[in-house]
Amino acid sequence: MYELWQTEWCPASRRVRQRLTELGIDHISRQVPVEKDDRVLLRERTGTNTIPVLVTPGGEAVVGETDILSHLDSCEATPAEARAHRLKAEKARRRYLEEECECPPQPLTR
């Protein structure tokens, strides 16, 4: 089983979680401390204090969003419902920004 070392506030961690969901991959999420100096267990297990880190079922630590997404795309089949998950997530984020977030309006980009 995959093991994701991450935090909820990290945008890269969110994007990796989203891709795992799109691919239908069950995983264990490991929350790490905010301060890098406090990430002793992460360093012991993965050799780094950078997040996100994905530990593969074979025990390989893949560090960083770009490498994790590349690894997943090369090793895991994309199911038919992956696109539906992505579209639903985008719609939910838009709705949150429009209805609930107290953030200033964001310009539309295309």
N, C-alpha and C. Protein backbone atom coordinates (compact mmCIF):
# COMPACT_ATOMS: atom_id res chain seq x y z
N MET A 1 0.84 -1.18 0.00
CA MET A 1 0.00 0.00 0.00
C MET A 1 0.89 1.24 0.00
N TYR A 2 0.45 2.25 -0.73
CA TYR A 2 1.16 3.53 -0.75
C TYR A 2 1.02 4.24 0.59
N GLU A 3 2.03 5.01 0.94
CA GLU A 3 2.05 5.79 2.16
C GLU A 3 2.44 7.22 1.78
N LEU A 4 1.56 8.19 2.06
CA LEU A 4 1.81 9.57 1.70
C LEU A 4 2.13 10.38 2.94
N TRP A 5 3.32 10.96 2.96
CA TRP A 5 3.75 11.86 4.03
C TRP A 5 3.43 13.26 3.55
N GLN A 6 2.59 13.98 4.30
CA GLN A 6 2.04 15.22 3.80
C GLN A 6 1.45 16.07 4.93
N THR A 7 0.95 17.25 4.54
CA THR A 7 0.16 18.08 5.44
C THR A 7 -1.06 18.56 4.69
N GLU A 8 -2.09 18.91 5.43
CA GLU A 8 -3.33 19.39 4.81
C GLU A 8 -3.16 20.77 4.20
N TRP A 9 -2.27 21.58 4.74
CA TRP A 9 -2.11 22.96 4.25
C TRP A 9 -1.20 23.07 3.02
N CYS A 10 -0.54 22.01 2.65
CA CYS A 10 0.42 22.05 1.54
C CYS A 10 -0.28 21.85 0.20
N PRO A 11 -0.20 22.84 -0.72
CA PRO A 11 -0.85 22.69 -2.03
C PRO A 11 -0.33 21.50 -2.83
N ALA A 12 0.95 21.22 -2.76
CA ALA A 12 1.50 20.07 -3.48
C ALA A 12 0.94 18.77 -2.92
N SER A 13 0.81 18.69 -1.61
CA SER A 13 0.21 17.49 -0.99
C SER A 13 -1.22 17.32 -1.45
N ARG A 14 -1.98 18.42 -1.54
CA ARG A 14 -3.37 18.35 -1.99
C ARG A 14 -3.44 17.80 -3.41
N ARG A 15 -2.56 18.28 -4.28
CA ARG A 15 -2.58 17.81 -5.67
C ARG A 15 -2.22 16.33 -5.76
N VAL A 16 -1.30 15.86 -4.93
CA VAL A 16 -0.96 14.43 -4.92
C VAL A 16 -2.14 13.62 -4.39
N ARG A 17 -2.78 14.09 -3.31
CA ARG A 17 -3.97 13.39 -2.79
C ARG A 17 -5.04 13.30 -3.87
N GLN A 18 -5.23 14.40 -4.59
CA GLN A 18 -6.24 14.41 -5.65
C GLN A 18 -5.91 13.36 -6.71
N ARG A 19 -4.64 13.28 -7.11
CA ARG A 19 -4.27 12.30 -8.14
C ARG A 19 -4.46 10.88 -7.64
N LEU A 20 -4.12 10.61 -6.39
CA LEU A 20 -4.35 9.28 -5.81
C LEU A 20 -5.84 8.93 -5.85
N THR A 21 -6.69 9.92 -5.54
CA THR A 21 -8.13 9.71 -5.59
C THR A 21 -8.58 9.43 -7.01
N GLU A 22 -8.10 10.23 -7.97
CA GLU A 22 -8.47 10.04 -9.37
C GLU A 22 -8.10 8.63 -9.85
N LEU A 23 -6.96 8.14 -9.39
CA LEU A 23 -6.50 6.82 -9.81
C LEU A 23 -7.14 5.69 -9.00
N GLY A 24 -7.92 6.05 -7.97
CA GLY A 24 -8.60 5.04 -7.15
C GLY A 24 -7.64 4.27 -6.27
N ILE A 25 -6.57 4.93 -5.83
CA ILE A 25 -5.53 4.26 -5.04
C ILE A 25 -5.74 4.52 -3.55
N ASP A 26 -5.98 3.45 -2.81
CA ASP A 26 -6.03 3.56 -1.35
C ASP A 26 -4.61 3.80 -0.85
N HIS A 27 -4.50 4.62 0.18
CA HIS A 27 -3.18 4.93 0.73
C HIS A 27 -3.32 5.31 2.19
N ILE A 28 -2.21 5.30 2.86
CA ILE A 28 -2.13 5.76 4.25
C ILE A 28 -1.55 7.16 4.21
N SER A 29 -2.23 8.10 4.87
CA SER A 29 -1.71 9.47 4.97
C SER A 29 -1.02 9.64 6.30
N ARG A 30 0.19 10.14 6.25
CA ARG A 30 0.97 10.43 7.45
C ARG A 30 1.13 11.94 7.55
N GLN A 31 0.60 12.52 8.60
CA GLN A 31 0.74 13.95 8.82
C GLN A 31 2.12 14.23 9.39
N VAL A 32 2.74 15.30 8.91
CA VAL A 32 4.07 15.65 9.40
C VAL A 32 4.01 17.00 10.11
N PRO A 33 4.94 17.24 11.02
CA PRO A 33 4.97 18.53 11.71
C PRO A 33 5.23 19.68 10.73
N VAL A 34 4.77 20.85 11.10
CA VAL A 34 4.96 22.04 10.28
C VAL A 34 6.44 22.37 10.13
N GLU A 35 7.16 22.36 11.24
CA GLU A 35 8.57 22.74 11.23
C GLU A 35 9.44 21.59 10.74
N LYS A 36 10.30 21.88 9.77
CA LYS A 36 11.17 20.83 9.21
C LYS A 36 12.05 20.18 10.26
N ASP A 37 12.52 20.94 11.23
CA ASP A 37 13.39 20.39 12.27
C ASP A 37 12.68 19.35 13.13
N ASP A 38 11.35 19.39 13.16
CA ASP A 38 10.57 18.46 13.97
C ASP A 38 10.16 17.20 13.21
N ARG A 39 10.58 17.07 11.98
CA ARG A 39 10.16 15.94 11.14
C ARG A 39 11.12 14.75 11.24
N VAL A 40 11.42 14.37 12.46
CA VAL A 40 12.37 13.30 12.72
C VAL A 40 11.91 11.98 12.11
N LEU A 41 10.67 11.59 12.36
CA LEU A 41 10.16 10.32 11.85
C LEU A 41 10.15 10.30 10.31
N LEU A 42 9.78 11.42 9.70
CA LEU A 42 9.81 11.51 8.24
C LEU A 42 11.22 11.29 7.71
N ARG A 43 12.21 11.94 8.32
CA ARG A 43 13.61 11.77 7.90
C ARG A 43 14.07 10.34 8.08
N GLU A 44 13.72 9.73 9.21
CA GLU A 44 14.13 8.35 9.47
C GLU A 44 13.54 7.39 8.44
N ARG A 45 12.28 7.61 8.08
CA ARG A 45 11.58 6.68 7.18
C ARG A 45 11.91 6.91 5.70
N THR A 46 12.13 8.20 5.32
CA THR A 46 12.25 8.51 3.90
C THR A 46 13.59 9.12 3.49
N GLY A 47 14.37 9.57 4.46
CA GLY A 47 15.65 10.19 4.14
C GLY A 47 15.57 11.66 3.79
N THR A 48 14.39 12.27 3.96
CA THR A 48 14.22 13.69 3.64
C THR A 48 13.26 14.31 4.65
N ASN A 49 13.27 15.64 4.70
CA ASN A 49 12.27 16.32 5.53
C ASN A 49 11.36 17.19 4.66
N THR A 50 11.42 16.97 3.35
CA THR A 50 10.61 17.70 2.38
C THR A 50 9.31 16.94 2.14
N ILE A 51 8.22 17.67 1.95
CA ILE A 51 6.94 17.04 1.63
C ILE A 51 6.44 17.58 0.30
N PRO A 52 5.59 16.83 -0.36
CA PRO A 52 5.12 15.49 -0.03
C PRO A 52 6.14 14.42 -0.40
N VAL A 53 6.01 13.29 0.27
CA VAL A 53 6.80 12.09 -0.05
C VAL A 53 5.81 10.93 -0.17
N LEU A 54 5.95 10.16 -1.23
CA LEU A 54 5.13 8.98 -1.42
C LEU A 54 6.04 7.76 -1.31
N VAL A 55 5.73 6.90 -0.36
CA VAL A 55 6.48 5.64 -0.22
C VAL A 55 5.67 4.58 -0.96
N THR A 56 6.32 3.95 -1.93
CA THR A 56 5.65 2.95 -2.77
C THR A 56 5.46 1.64 -2.01
N PRO A 57 4.59 0.77 -2.51
CA PRO A 57 4.44 -0.54 -1.87
C PRO A 57 5.76 -1.30 -1.76
N GLY A 58 6.70 -1.02 -2.65
CA GLY A 58 8.01 -1.67 -2.60
C GLY A 58 9.01 -1.00 -1.67
N GLY A 59 8.59 0.12 -1.02
CA GLY A 59 9.44 0.79 -0.05
C GLY A 59 10.27 1.94 -0.60
N GLU A 60 10.13 2.26 -1.89
CA GLU A 60 10.86 3.38 -2.48
C GLU A 60 10.20 4.70 -2.07
N ALA A 61 11.02 5.68 -1.65
CA ALA A 61 10.51 7.00 -1.31
C ALA A 61 10.64 7.90 -2.54
N VAL A 62 9.50 8.41 -3.02
CA VAL A 62 9.48 9.32 -4.15
C VAL A 62 9.18 10.71 -3.57
N VAL A 63 10.10 11.65 -3.78
CA VAL A 63 10.03 12.94 -3.11
C VAL A 63 9.62 14.04 -4.07
N GLY A 64 8.64 14.84 -3.65
CA GLY A 64 8.22 16.01 -4.41
C GLY A 64 7.07 15.72 -5.35
N GLU A 65 6.22 16.73 -5.52
CA GLU A 65 5.01 16.58 -6.34
C GLU A 65 5.31 16.12 -7.76
N THR A 66 6.26 16.74 -8.43
CA THR A 66 6.54 16.41 -9.82
C THR A 66 6.96 14.95 -9.97
N ASP A 67 7.88 14.49 -9.13
CA ASP A 67 8.35 13.10 -9.22
C ASP A 67 7.25 12.12 -8.82
N ILE A 68 6.44 12.49 -7.82
CA ILE A 68 5.35 11.60 -7.40
C ILE A 68 4.34 11.44 -8.52
N LEU A 69 3.92 12.56 -9.12
CA LEU A 69 2.93 12.47 -10.20
C LEU A 69 3.48 11.70 -11.40
N SER A 70 4.75 11.91 -11.71
CA SER A 70 5.38 11.14 -12.81
C SER A 70 5.39 9.66 -12.49
N HIS A 71 5.76 9.34 -11.25
CA HIS A 71 5.78 7.93 -10.83
C HIS A 71 4.39 7.30 -10.98
N LEU A 72 3.38 7.99 -10.46
CA LEU A 72 2.02 7.45 -10.53
C LEU A 72 1.57 7.28 -11.97
N ASP A 73 1.85 8.27 -12.81
CA ASP A 73 1.43 8.18 -14.21
C ASP A 73 2.14 7.06 -14.96
N SER A 74 3.38 6.73 -14.55
CA SER A 74 4.11 5.67 -15.24
C SER A 74 3.81 4.28 -14.69
N CYS A 75 3.31 4.21 -13.45
CA CYS A 75 3.13 2.90 -12.81
C CYS A 75 1.68 2.48 -12.59
N GLU A 76 0.77 3.42 -12.71
CA GLU A 76 -0.63 3.12 -12.39
C GLU A 76 -1.52 3.42 -13.59
N ALA A 77 -2.46 2.56 -13.85
CA ALA A 77 -3.42 2.77 -14.94
C ALA A 77 -4.43 3.84 -14.53
N THR A 78 -4.81 4.67 -15.48
CA THR A 78 -5.80 5.72 -15.22
C THR A 78 -7.19 5.15 -15.49
N PRO A 79 -8.03 5.05 -14.46
CA PRO A 79 -9.37 4.50 -14.67
C PRO A 79 -10.27 5.48 -15.41
N ALA A 80 -11.34 4.98 -15.97
CA ALA A 80 -12.27 5.81 -16.75
C ALA A 80 -12.86 6.94 -15.92
N GLU A 81 -13.07 6.73 -14.64
CA GLU A 81 -13.71 7.75 -13.80
C GLU A 81 -12.74 8.83 -13.29
N ALA A 82 -11.48 8.77 -13.66
CA ALA A 82 -10.50 9.75 -13.19
C ALA A 82 -10.90 11.17 -13.61
N ARG A 83 -11.32 11.34 -14.85
CA ARG A 83 -11.71 12.67 -15.32
C ARG A 83 -12.90 13.20 -14.54
N ALA A 84 -13.85 12.36 -14.21
CA ALA A 84 -15.02 12.78 -13.44
C ALA A 84 -14.60 13.28 -12.06
N HIS A 85 -13.65 12.59 -11.43
CA HIS A 85 -13.14 13.05 -10.13
C HIS A 85 -12.51 14.44 -10.25
N ARG A 86 -11.70 14.63 -11.28
CA ARG A 86 -11.02 15.92 -11.48
C ARG A 86 -12.05 17.04 -11.69
N LEU A 87 -13.04 16.80 -12.54
CA LEU A 87 -14.05 17.83 -12.81
C LEU A 87 -14.85 18.16 -11.55
N LYS A 88 -15.18 17.16 -10.77
CA LYS A 88 -15.93 17.38 -9.53
C LYS A 88 -15.09 18.20 -8.55
N ALA A 89 -13.81 17.91 -8.45
CA ALA A 89 -12.93 18.66 -7.55
C ALA A 89 -12.82 20.12 -8.00
N GLU A 90 -12.68 20.34 -9.30
CA GLU A 90 -12.59 21.71 -9.81
C GLU A 90 -13.88 22.47 -9.53
N LYS A 91 -15.01 21.83 -9.71
CA LYS A 91 -16.30 22.47 -9.44
C LYS A 91 -16.44 22.82 -7.95
N ALA A 92 -16.04 21.91 -7.09
CA ALA A 92 -16.12 22.16 -5.65
C ALA A 92 -15.22 23.31 -5.23
N ARG A 93 -14.01 23.39 -5.79
CA ARG A 93 -13.10 24.49 -5.46
C ARG A 93 -13.67 25.83 -5.94
N ARG A 94 -14.24 25.84 -7.15
CA ARG A 94 -14.86 27.08 -7.66
C ARG A 94 -16.00 27.52 -6.76
N ARG A 95 -16.85 26.58 -6.39
CA ARG A 95 -18.00 26.89 -5.53
C ARG A 95 -17.51 27.43 -4.19
N TYR A 96 -16.49 26.81 -3.63
CA TYR A 96 -15.95 27.28 -2.36
C TYR A 96 -15.46 28.72 -2.49
N LEU A 97 -14.70 29.00 -3.54
CA LEU A 97 -14.18 30.35 -3.74
C LEU A 97 -15.30 31.37 -3.95
N GLU A 98 -16.33 30.97 -4.64
CA GLU A 98 -17.44 31.88 -4.93
C GLU A 98 -18.37 32.08 -3.74
N GLU A 99 -18.63 31.03 -2.98
CA GLU A 99 -19.67 31.09 -1.96
C GLU A 99 -19.16 31.20 -0.52
N GLU A 100 -18.05 30.58 -0.23
CA GLU A 100 -17.65 30.46 1.17
C GLU A 100 -16.37 31.17 1.54
N CYS A 101 -15.46 31.26 0.62
CA CYS A 101 -14.16 31.83 0.91
C CYS A 101 -14.28 33.34 1.07
N GLU A 102 -13.59 33.87 2.05
CA GLU A 102 -13.55 35.31 2.24
C GLU A 102 -12.37 35.93 1.50
N CYS A 103 -11.93 35.24 0.47
CA CYS A 103 -10.80 35.68 -0.34
C CYS A 103 -11.30 36.72 -1.35
N PRO A 104 -10.40 37.59 -1.81
CA PRO A 104 -10.81 38.51 -2.87
C PRO A 104 -11.10 37.71 -4.14
N PRO A 105 -11.99 38.21 -5.01
CA PRO A 105 -12.31 37.49 -6.25
C PRO A 105 -11.07 37.25 -7.10
N GLN A 106 -11.01 36.09 -7.72
CA GLN A 106 -9.90 35.72 -8.58
C GLN A 106 -10.31 35.93 -10.03
N PRO A 107 -9.42 36.51 -10.85
CA PRO A 107 -9.77 36.68 -12.27
C PRO A 107 -9.84 35.32 -12.96
N LEU A 108 -10.73 35.20 -13.92
CA LEU A 108 -10.82 33.97 -14.70
C LEU A 108 -9.65 33.89 -15.64
N THR A 109 -9.05 32.71 -15.73
CA THR A 109 -7.94 32.49 -16.66
C THR A 109 -8.33 31.40 -17.63
N ARG A 110 -7.86 31.49 -18.80
CA ARG A 110 -8.16 30.47 -19.81
C ARG A 110 -6.93 30.15 -20.58
